[in-house]
Amino acid sequence: MDFFANFNEYREIGEYIPIALLFAAAIIFAIGTLIVALIVRPNNPSQEKLSPYECGLEPATPDARGAYNVRYFLIAVLFIIFDVETIFLFPWAVVYKKIAFFGFIEMMLFIVILLVGYFYAWKKGALEWV
């Protein structure tokens, strides 16, 4: 069996060589900058530098892992919900002409459901900080 007999089957792999080279260059650059940063940076830790910073005052707790307000979690969840909405809107905008009126109605229903959830959270006071 000749080695070059099936060469045409592997010709398409050659189209991916520039992508592989770019990926390899990105990995080498990322690892290289981390190594250079480890070598170049000054390394003189002290007790003051290792202590947690809290507005110039002594830390209130011995360790820096303090509790967060639960409202941060709620804001993060609301952000994720509306971020996912945006992710669903982009493909819809790309194929808008193909799906025509039915797609428009479907996406408007999707947006209305999300807006109902947003106004519900607003009415419950989830977005108020005081």
N, C-alpha and C. Protein backbone atom coordinates (compact mmCIF):
# COMPACT_ATOMS: atom_id res chain seq x y z
N MET A 1 0.85 -1.18 0.00
CA MET A 1 0.00 0.00 0.00
C MET A 1 0.89 1.24 0.00
N ASP A 2 0.62 2.11 -0.89
CA ASP A 2 1.43 3.32 -1.04
C ASP A 2 1.02 4.36 0.01
N PHE A 3 2.02 5.01 0.60
CA PHE A 3 1.76 6.00 1.65
C PHE A 3 1.00 7.20 1.12
N PHE A 4 1.30 7.63 -0.10
CA PHE A 4 0.69 8.83 -0.66
C PHE A 4 -0.60 8.54 -1.42
N ALA A 5 -1.09 7.32 -1.37
CA ALA A 5 -2.30 6.98 -2.12
C ALA A 5 -3.52 7.73 -1.59
N ASN A 6 -3.59 7.92 -0.30
CA ASN A 6 -4.74 8.59 0.31
C ASN A 6 -4.41 10.03 0.70
N PHE A 7 -3.49 10.65 -0.01
CA PHE A 7 -3.06 12.00 0.34
C PHE A 7 -4.20 13.01 0.23
N ASN A 8 -5.09 12.83 -0.73
CA ASN A 8 -6.19 13.78 -0.91
C ASN A 8 -7.14 13.80 0.28
N GLU A 9 -7.22 12.67 1.00
CA GLU A 9 -8.08 12.64 2.18
C GLU A 9 -7.53 13.53 3.30
N TYR A 10 -6.22 13.70 3.34
CA TYR A 10 -5.58 14.47 4.40
C TYR A 10 -5.27 15.90 3.99
N ARG A 11 -5.62 16.29 2.81
CA ARG A 11 -5.33 17.64 2.33
C ARG A 11 -6.08 18.68 3.15
N GLU A 12 -7.28 18.36 3.62
CA GLU A 12 -8.07 19.31 4.39
C GLU A 12 -7.43 19.63 5.73
N ILE A 13 -6.61 18.74 6.25
CA ILE A 13 -5.94 19.01 7.53
C ILE A 13 -4.99 20.19 7.39
N GLY A 14 -4.41 20.35 6.22
CA GLY A 14 -3.49 21.46 5.99
C GLY A 14 -4.14 22.82 6.12
N GLU A 15 -5.45 22.88 5.96
CA GLU A 15 -6.15 24.16 6.11
C GLU A 15 -6.20 24.62 7.56
N TYR A 16 -5.98 23.71 8.49
CA TYR A 16 -6.03 24.05 9.91
C TYR A 16 -4.66 24.41 10.48
N ILE A 17 -3.62 24.33 9.69
CA ILE A 17 -2.27 24.63 10.18
C ILE A 17 -2.16 26.08 10.67
N PRO A 18 -2.67 27.09 9.96
CA PRO A 18 -2.57 28.46 10.51
C PRO A 18 -3.29 28.62 11.85
N ILE A 19 -4.43 27.96 12.02
CA ILE A 19 -5.15 28.04 13.29
C ILE A 19 -4.33 27.38 14.39
N ALA A 20 -3.73 26.23 14.09
CA ALA A 20 -2.91 25.54 15.09
C ALA A 20 -1.69 26.38 15.47
N LEU A 21 -1.08 27.03 14.48
CA LEU A 21 0.07 27.89 14.77
C LEU A 21 -0.33 29.09 15.63
N LEU A 22 -1.46 29.69 15.33
CA LEU A 22 -1.94 30.81 16.13
C LEU A 22 -2.26 30.37 17.56
N PHE A 23 -2.88 29.21 17.71
CA PHE A 23 -3.19 28.67 19.03
C PHE A 23 -1.90 28.39 19.81
N ALA A 24 -0.92 27.79 19.15
CA ALA A 24 0.36 27.51 19.80
C ALA A 24 1.07 28.80 20.20
N ALA A 25 1.02 29.82 19.34
CA ALA A 25 1.65 31.10 19.67
C ALA A 25 0.96 31.75 20.86
N ALA A 26 -0.35 31.65 20.94
CA ALA A 26 -1.08 32.22 22.07
C ALA A 26 -0.72 31.51 23.37
N ILE A 27 -0.63 30.20 23.34
CA ILE A 27 -0.26 29.43 24.53
C ILE A 27 1.17 29.77 24.96
N ILE A 28 2.08 29.82 24.01
CA ILE A 28 3.48 30.16 24.33
C ILE A 28 3.58 31.57 24.88
N PHE A 29 2.84 32.51 24.31
CA PHE A 29 2.86 33.89 24.81
C PHE A 29 2.31 33.97 26.23
N ALA A 30 1.21 33.27 26.50
CA ALA A 30 0.61 33.31 27.83
C ALA A 30 1.54 32.71 28.87
N ILE A 31 2.08 31.55 28.59
CA ILE A 31 2.99 30.91 29.54
C ILE A 31 4.27 31.72 29.68
N GLY A 32 4.76 32.27 28.57
CA GLY A 32 5.97 33.09 28.62
C GLY A 32 5.81 34.33 29.48
N THR A 33 4.69 35.03 29.36
CA THR A 33 4.49 36.22 30.18
C THR A 33 4.36 35.86 31.65
N LEU A 34 3.75 34.73 31.97
CA LEU A 34 3.67 34.30 33.37
C LEU A 34 5.05 33.99 33.93
N ILE A 35 5.88 33.32 33.15
CA ILE A 35 7.23 32.99 33.60
C ILE A 35 8.06 34.25 33.77
N VAL A 36 7.98 35.17 32.82
CA VAL A 36 8.73 36.43 32.94
C VAL A 36 8.26 37.22 34.16
N ALA A 37 6.97 37.23 34.42
CA ALA A 37 6.45 37.95 35.59
C ALA A 37 6.96 37.33 36.88
N LEU A 38 7.06 36.00 36.93
CA LEU A 38 7.59 35.36 38.13
C LEU A 38 9.07 35.68 38.34
N ILE A 39 9.81 35.81 37.26
CA ILE A 39 11.24 36.08 37.37
C ILE A 39 11.51 37.54 37.71
N VAL A 40 10.78 38.45 37.09
CA VAL A 40 11.07 39.88 37.20
C VAL A 40 10.50 40.52 38.46
N ARG A 41 9.38 40.05 38.95
CA ARG A 41 8.71 40.74 40.06
C ARG A 41 9.54 40.69 41.34
N PRO A 42 9.45 41.74 42.15
CA PRO A 42 10.14 41.71 43.44
C PRO A 42 9.39 40.79 44.40
N ASN A 43 10.14 40.07 45.20
CA ASN A 43 9.52 39.13 46.13
C ASN A 43 10.05 39.40 47.53
N ASN A 44 9.45 40.37 48.21
CA ASN A 44 9.83 40.66 49.59
C ASN A 44 8.57 40.83 50.43
N PRO A 45 7.94 39.71 50.80
CA PRO A 45 6.71 39.80 51.58
C PRO A 45 6.99 40.24 53.01
N SER A 46 6.04 40.94 53.58
CA SER A 46 6.13 41.34 54.99
C SER A 46 4.76 41.11 55.62
N GLN A 47 4.71 41.23 56.94
CA GLN A 47 3.44 41.03 57.64
C GLN A 47 2.41 42.05 57.18
N GLU A 48 2.85 43.28 56.94
CA GLU A 48 1.93 44.34 56.51
C GLU A 48 1.37 44.07 55.12
N LYS A 49 2.20 43.57 54.22
CA LYS A 49 1.74 43.30 52.86
C LYS A 49 0.82 42.08 52.79
N LEU A 50 0.99 41.15 53.70
CA LEU A 50 0.18 39.94 53.68
C LEU A 50 -1.15 40.11 54.40
N SER A 51 -1.34 41.21 55.11
CA SER A 51 -2.60 41.42 55.83
C SER A 51 -3.66 41.94 54.86
N PRO A 52 -4.94 41.60 55.09
CA PRO A 52 -6.00 42.09 54.21
C PRO A 52 -6.21 43.59 54.37
N TYR A 53 -6.51 44.26 53.28
CA TYR A 53 -6.69 45.71 53.29
C TYR A 53 -8.16 46.04 53.44
N GLU A 54 -8.49 46.84 54.44
CA GLU A 54 -9.87 47.27 54.64
C GLU A 54 -9.87 48.77 54.91
N CYS A 55 -9.80 49.56 53.88
CA CYS A 55 -9.92 51.02 53.97
C CYS A 55 -8.87 51.64 54.89
N GLY A 56 -7.70 51.07 54.97
CA GLY A 56 -6.64 51.65 55.78
C GLY A 56 -6.75 51.31 57.25
N LEU A 57 -7.76 50.57 57.67
CA LEU A 57 -7.94 50.20 59.07
C LEU A 57 -7.46 48.77 59.29
N GLU A 58 -7.32 48.42 60.54
CA GLU A 58 -6.99 47.04 60.87
C GLU A 58 -8.16 46.14 60.45
N PRO A 59 -7.90 44.94 59.98
CA PRO A 59 -8.99 44.07 59.56
C PRO A 59 -9.92 43.74 60.72
N ALA A 60 -11.21 43.69 60.43
CA ALA A 60 -12.21 43.41 61.46
C ALA A 60 -12.20 41.94 61.87
N THR A 61 -11.83 41.07 60.97
CA THR A 61 -11.78 39.63 61.27
C THR A 61 -10.36 39.14 61.06
N PRO A 62 -9.98 38.07 61.74
CA PRO A 62 -8.61 37.58 61.58
C PRO A 62 -8.30 37.07 60.17
N ASP A 63 -9.28 36.53 59.48
CA ASP A 63 -9.03 36.10 58.10
C ASP A 63 -9.84 36.97 57.15
N ALA A 64 -9.42 37.04 55.91
CA ALA A 64 -10.01 37.96 54.94
C ALA A 64 -11.29 37.44 54.31
N ARG A 65 -11.73 36.27 54.68
CA ARG A 65 -12.92 35.69 54.06
C ARG A 65 -14.17 36.11 54.83
N GLY A 66 -14.58 37.33 54.62
CA GLY A 66 -15.77 37.82 55.29
C GLY A 66 -17.03 37.42 54.56
N ALA A 67 -18.16 37.55 55.22
CA ALA A 67 -19.44 37.22 54.60
C ALA A 67 -19.88 38.35 53.68
N TYR A 68 -20.47 37.99 52.57
CA TYR A 68 -20.99 38.97 51.63
C TYR A 68 -22.49 39.15 51.87
N ASN A 69 -22.95 40.32 51.55
CA ASN A 69 -24.37 40.59 51.63
C ASN A 69 -25.09 39.73 50.59
N VAL A 70 -26.24 39.17 50.97
CA VAL A 70 -26.97 38.29 50.07
C VAL A 70 -27.49 39.05 48.86
N ARG A 71 -27.58 40.36 48.92
CA ARG A 71 -28.06 41.14 47.78
C ARG A 71 -27.09 41.06 46.60
N TYR A 72 -25.80 40.89 46.88
CA TYR A 72 -24.85 40.72 45.79
C TYR A 72 -25.19 39.45 45.00
N PHE A 73 -25.58 38.41 45.71
CA PHE A 73 -25.96 37.17 45.04
C PHE A 73 -27.19 37.38 44.18
N LEU A 74 -28.16 38.10 44.69
CA LEU A 74 -29.40 38.35 43.95
C LEU A 74 -29.12 39.16 42.68
N ILE A 75 -28.28 40.18 42.81
CA ILE A 75 -27.93 40.99 41.63
C ILE A 75 -27.18 40.12 40.61
N ALA A 76 -26.30 39.24 41.09
CA ALA A 76 -25.57 38.37 40.18
C ALA A 76 -26.51 37.43 39.43
N VAL A 77 -27.50 36.89 40.12
CA VAL A 77 -28.47 35.99 39.48
C VAL A 77 -29.29 36.75 38.44
N LEU A 78 -29.73 37.96 38.79
CA LEU A 78 -30.48 38.75 37.81
C LEU A 78 -29.62 39.09 36.59
N PHE A 79 -28.35 39.39 36.83
CA PHE A 79 -27.45 39.67 35.71
C PHE A 79 -27.32 38.45 34.80
N ILE A 80 -27.14 37.27 35.38
CA ILE A 80 -27.01 36.05 34.58
C ILE A 80 -28.27 35.81 33.76
N ILE A 81 -29.43 36.02 34.36
CA ILE A 81 -30.69 35.80 33.64
C ILE A 81 -30.77 36.70 32.41
N PHE A 82 -30.47 37.98 32.58
CA PHE A 82 -30.59 38.89 31.45
C PHE A 82 -29.42 38.76 30.49
N ASP A 83 -28.30 38.24 30.95
CA ASP A 83 -27.20 37.95 30.05
C ASP A 83 -27.56 36.77 29.15
N VAL A 84 -28.21 35.77 29.70
CA VAL A 84 -28.66 34.63 28.90
C VAL A 84 -29.71 35.08 27.89
N GLU A 85 -30.54 36.04 28.29
CA GLU A 85 -31.51 36.59 27.34
C GLU A 85 -30.79 37.18 26.13
N THR A 86 -29.73 37.90 26.37
CA THR A 86 -28.96 38.49 25.28
C THR A 86 -28.36 37.41 24.39
N ILE A 87 -27.91 36.33 25.00
CA ILE A 87 -27.34 35.22 24.21
C ILE A 87 -28.40 34.64 23.27
N PHE A 88 -29.64 34.57 23.72
CA PHE A 88 -30.71 34.05 22.86
C PHE A 88 -31.15 35.06 21.80
N LEU A 89 -30.94 36.34 22.05
CA LEU A 89 -31.35 37.35 21.08
C LEU A 89 -30.43 37.41 19.86
N PHE A 90 -29.15 37.12 20.02
CA PHE A 90 -28.21 37.21 18.90
C PHE A 90 -28.53 36.23 17.78
N PRO A 91 -28.72 34.93 18.05
CA PRO A 91 -29.07 34.03 16.94
C PRO A 91 -30.40 34.39 16.29
N TRP A 92 -31.34 34.87 17.09
CA TRP A 92 -32.62 35.28 16.53
C TRP A 92 -32.43 36.42 15.54
N ALA A 93 -31.56 37.36 15.86
CA ALA A 93 -31.33 38.49 14.96
C ALA A 93 -30.66 38.03 13.66
N VAL A 94 -29.85 36.99 13.74
CA VAL A 94 -29.16 36.50 12.54
C VAL A 94 -30.13 35.84 11.57
N VAL A 95 -31.09 35.08 12.08
CA VAL A 95 -32.01 34.34 11.21
C VAL A 95 -33.38 35.00 11.14
N TYR A 96 -33.47 36.27 11.46
CA TYR A 96 -34.76 36.95 11.53
C TYR A 96 -35.51 36.89 10.20
N LYS A 97 -34.82 37.08 9.08
CA LYS A 97 -35.51 37.09 7.79
C LYS A 97 -36.04 35.70 7.40
N LYS A 98 -35.38 34.65 7.87
CA LYS A 98 -35.82 33.30 7.52
C LYS A 98 -37.03 32.86 8.34
N ILE A 99 -37.12 33.29 9.59
CA ILE A 99 -38.22 32.81 10.43
C ILE A 99 -39.43 33.72 10.39
N ALA A 100 -39.28 34.89 9.82
CA ALA A 100 -40.37 35.82 9.52
C ALA A 100 -41.24 36.14 10.73
N PHE A 101 -42.55 36.19 10.50
CA PHE A 101 -43.48 36.69 11.52
C PHE A 101 -43.58 35.75 12.72
N PHE A 102 -43.56 34.45 12.51
CA PHE A 102 -43.65 33.50 13.62
C PHE A 102 -42.47 33.67 14.57
N GLY A 103 -41.29 33.84 14.03
CA GLY A 103 -40.11 34.06 14.87
C GLY A 103 -40.18 35.36 15.63
N PHE A 104 -40.75 36.38 15.00
CA PHE A 104 -40.91 37.66 15.67
C PHE A 104 -41.85 37.53 16.87
N ILE A 105 -42.97 36.87 16.67
CA ILE A 105 -43.94 36.67 17.76
C ILE A 105 -43.32 35.84 18.88
N GLU A 106 -42.60 34.80 18.51
CA GLU A 106 -41.97 33.94 19.50
C GLU A 106 -40.95 34.71 20.34
N MET A 107 -40.14 35.55 19.71
CA MET A 107 -39.13 36.30 20.45
C MET A 107 -39.77 37.40 21.28
N MET A 108 -40.82 38.01 20.80
CA MET A 108 -41.51 39.03 21.61
C MET A 108 -42.14 38.39 22.85
N LEU A 109 -42.67 37.18 22.70
CA LEU A 109 -43.21 36.46 23.85
C LEU A 109 -42.10 36.16 24.86
N PHE A 110 -40.96 35.76 24.37
CA PHE A 110 -39.79 35.50 25.23
C PHE A 110 -39.38 36.76 25.99
N ILE A 111 -39.32 37.89 25.31
CA ILE A 111 -38.94 39.15 25.94
C ILE A 111 -39.99 39.59 26.95
N VAL A 112 -41.26 39.40 26.63
CA VAL A 112 -42.34 39.77 27.57
C VAL A 112 -42.25 38.94 28.84
N ILE A 113 -41.98 37.64 28.71
CA ILE A 113 -41.85 36.79 29.90
C ILE A 113 -40.68 37.27 30.77
N LEU A 114 -39.57 37.62 30.15
CA LEU A 114 -38.44 38.12 30.92
C LEU A 114 -38.74 39.48 31.55
N LEU A 115 -39.45 40.33 30.85
CA LEU A 115 -39.81 41.63 31.43
C LEU A 115 -40.78 41.47 32.60
N VAL A 116 -41.68 40.51 32.51
CA VAL A 116 -42.57 40.24 33.65
C VAL A 116 -41.74 39.81 34.87
N GLY A 117 -40.76 38.97 34.65
CA GLY A 117 -39.87 38.58 35.75
C GLY A 117 -39.08 39.75 36.30
N TYR A 118 -38.62 40.63 35.42
CA TYR A 118 -37.87 41.82 35.85
C TYR A 118 -38.75 42.74 36.69
N PHE A 119 -39.95 43.01 36.23
CA PHE A 119 -40.84 43.89 36.99
C PHE A 119 -41.29 43.24 38.30
N TYR A 120 -41.41 41.92 38.33
CA TYR A 120 -41.72 41.22 39.57
C TYR A 120 -40.58 41.41 40.58
N ALA A 121 -39.34 41.24 40.12
CA ALA A 121 -38.19 41.44 41.01
C ALA A 121 -38.12 42.88 41.48
N TRP A 122 -38.43 43.81 40.60
CA TRP A 122 -38.42 45.23 40.96
C TRP A 122 -39.49 45.52 42.01
N LYS A 123 -40.69 44.96 41.81
CA LYS A 123 -41.80 45.20 42.75
C LYS A 123 -41.51 44.58 44.11
N LYS A 124 -40.84 43.44 44.14
CA LYS A 124 -40.50 42.79 45.40
C LYS A 124 -39.35 43.50 46.12
N GLY A 125 -38.71 44.47 45.47
CA GLY A 125 -37.63 45.22 46.10
C GLY A 125 -36.27 44.57 45.97
N ALA A 126 -36.12 43.66 45.02
CA ALA A 126 -34.84 42.97 44.85
C ALA A 126 -33.75 43.90 44.35
N LEU A 127 -34.12 45.01 43.73
CA LEU A 127 -33.13 45.92 43.16
C LEU A 127 -32.87 47.13 44.05
N GLU A 128 -33.50 47.19 45.22
CA GLU A 128 -33.29 48.31 46.14
C GLU A 128 -32.21 47.96 47.15
N TRP A 129 -31.33 48.91 47.44
CA TRP A 129 -30.22 48.67 48.35
C TRP A 129 -30.42 49.31 49.72
N VAL A 130 -31.40 50.17 49.86
CA VAL A 130 -31.57 50.86 51.14
C VAL A 130 -32.75 50.31 51.88
